[in-house]
């Protein structure tokens, strides 16, 4: 559980640092969601 929380926190930090527009933010959130979904399937 701690690993998931840390992963989410790191991903959120990258999202905030990496996006310049609302559209970019949405794309970044989608990518993070995809990664979390992939981890959950494993």
N, C-alpha and C. Protein backbone atom coordinates (compact mmCIF):
# COMPACT_ATOMS: atom_id res chain seq x y z
N UNK A 1 0.83 -1.20 0.00
CA UNK A 1 0.00 0.00 0.00
C UNK A 1 0.87 1.26 0.00
N UNK A 2 1.94 1.22 0.78
CA UNK A 2 2.83 2.39 0.83
C UNK A 2 3.46 2.66 -0.53
N UNK A 3 3.79 1.58 -1.25
CA UNK A 3 4.41 1.76 -2.56
C UNK A 3 3.46 2.46 -3.52
N UNK A 4 2.18 2.13 -3.44
CA UNK A 4 1.18 2.76 -4.32
C UNK A 4 1.08 4.24 -3.99
N UNK A 5 1.05 4.58 -2.73
CA UNK A 5 0.95 5.97 -2.32
C UNK A 5 2.18 6.76 -2.78
N UNK A 6 3.35 6.17 -2.61
CA UNK A 6 4.58 6.83 -3.04
C UNK A 6 4.58 7.00 -4.56
N UNK A 7 4.16 5.97 -5.27
CA UNK A 7 4.10 6.04 -6.73
C UNK A 7 3.15 7.15 -7.17
N UNK A 8 2.00 7.23 -6.55
CA UNK A 8 1.04 8.28 -6.89
C UNK A 8 1.60 9.67 -6.60
N UNK A 9 2.27 9.81 -5.48
CA UNK A 9 2.85 11.11 -5.13
C UNK A 9 3.92 11.53 -6.13
N UNK A 10 4.77 10.60 -6.51
CA UNK A 10 5.82 10.90 -7.48
C UNK A 10 5.21 11.22 -8.84
N UNK A 11 4.24 10.43 -9.25
CA UNK A 11 3.58 10.67 -10.53
C UNK A 11 2.90 12.03 -10.54
N UNK A 12 2.24 12.38 -9.45
CA UNK A 12 1.56 13.68 -9.36
C UNK A 12 2.57 14.82 -9.46
N UNK A 13 3.73 14.65 -8.84
CA UNK A 13 4.76 15.68 -8.91
C UNK A 13 5.25 15.86 -10.34
N UNK A 14 5.43 14.76 -11.05
CA UNK A 14 5.85 14.84 -12.46
C UNK A 14 4.77 15.49 -13.32
N UNK A 15 3.53 15.17 -13.02
CA UNK A 15 2.43 15.77 -13.78
C UNK A 15 2.45 17.28 -13.61
N UNK A 16 2.56 17.73 -12.38
CA UNK A 16 2.55 19.17 -12.13
C UNK A 16 3.76 19.86 -12.76
N UNK A 17 4.89 19.19 -12.75
CA UNK A 17 6.11 19.79 -13.30
C UNK A 17 6.12 19.74 -14.83
N UNK A 18 5.47 18.75 -15.41
CA UNK A 18 5.60 18.52 -16.83
C UNK A 18 4.52 19.10 -17.72
N UNK A 19 3.42 19.57 -17.16
CA UNK A 19 2.34 20.02 -18.03
C UNK A 19 2.26 21.54 -18.06
N UNK A 20 1.97 22.08 -19.22
CA UNK A 20 1.88 23.52 -19.38
C UNK A 20 0.46 23.97 -19.68
N UNK A 21 -0.40 23.05 -20.06
CA UNK A 21 -1.76 23.41 -20.43
C UNK A 21 -2.74 22.46 -19.78
N UNK A 22 -4.00 22.80 -19.80
CA UNK A 22 -5.04 21.92 -19.26
C UNK A 22 -5.09 20.63 -20.07
N UNK A 23 -4.96 20.75 -21.37
CA UNK A 23 -4.96 19.56 -22.23
C UNK A 23 -3.78 18.65 -21.88
N UNK A 24 -2.63 19.24 -21.70
CA UNK A 24 -1.45 18.47 -21.32
C UNK A 24 -1.63 17.79 -19.97
N UNK A 25 -2.27 18.49 -19.06
CA UNK A 25 -2.54 17.92 -17.75
C UNK A 25 -3.45 16.70 -17.88
N UNK A 26 -4.47 16.81 -18.70
CA UNK A 26 -5.39 15.69 -18.91
C UNK A 26 -4.68 14.48 -19.50
N UNK A 27 -3.79 14.73 -20.44
CA UNK A 27 -3.03 13.63 -21.04
C UNK A 27 -2.11 12.97 -20.02
N UNK A 28 -1.49 13.78 -19.18
CA UNK A 28 -0.62 13.24 -18.15
C UNK A 28 -1.40 12.41 -17.14
N UNK A 29 -2.56 12.89 -16.75
CA UNK A 29 -3.39 12.14 -15.80
C UNK A 29 -3.81 10.81 -16.42
N UNK A 30 -4.13 10.83 -17.69
CA UNK A 30 -4.51 9.60 -18.37
C UNK A 30 -3.36 8.60 -18.39
N UNK A 31 -2.15 9.07 -18.65
CA UNK A 31 -0.98 8.19 -18.66
C UNK A 31 -0.75 7.56 -17.28
N UNK A 32 -0.88 8.37 -16.25
CA UNK A 32 -0.70 7.86 -14.89
C UNK A 32 -1.77 6.83 -14.59
N UNK A 33 -3.00 7.11 -14.99
CA UNK A 33 -4.08 6.15 -14.79
C UNK A 33 -3.82 4.84 -15.50
N UNK A 34 -3.30 4.92 -16.70
CA UNK A 34 -2.97 3.71 -17.46
C UNK A 34 -1.90 2.89 -16.74
N UNK A 35 -0.90 3.57 -16.21
CA UNK A 35 0.18 2.87 -15.50
C UNK A 35 -0.36 2.19 -14.25
N UNK A 36 -1.22 2.88 -13.52
CA UNK A 36 -1.79 2.30 -12.31
C UNK A 36 -2.66 1.11 -12.67
N UNK A 37 -3.41 1.23 -13.74
CA UNK A 37 -4.25 0.12 -14.20
C UNK A 37 -3.39 -1.09 -14.57
N UNK A 38 -2.28 -0.85 -15.26
CA UNK A 38 -1.38 -1.94 -15.63
C UNK A 38 -0.81 -2.62 -14.40
N UNK A 39 -0.43 -1.85 -13.40
CA UNK A 39 0.11 -2.41 -12.16
C UNK A 39 -0.96 -3.24 -11.44
N UNK A 40 -2.19 -2.77 -11.46
CA UNK A 40 -3.27 -3.47 -10.78
C UNK A 40 -3.57 -4.82 -11.45
N UNK A 41 -3.37 -4.89 -12.75
CA UNK A 41 -3.63 -6.14 -13.48
C UNK A 41 -2.57 -7.19 -13.21
N UNK A 42 -1.37 -6.79 -12.80
CA UNK A 42 -0.28 -7.74 -12.57
C UNK A 42 -0.44 -8.49 -11.28
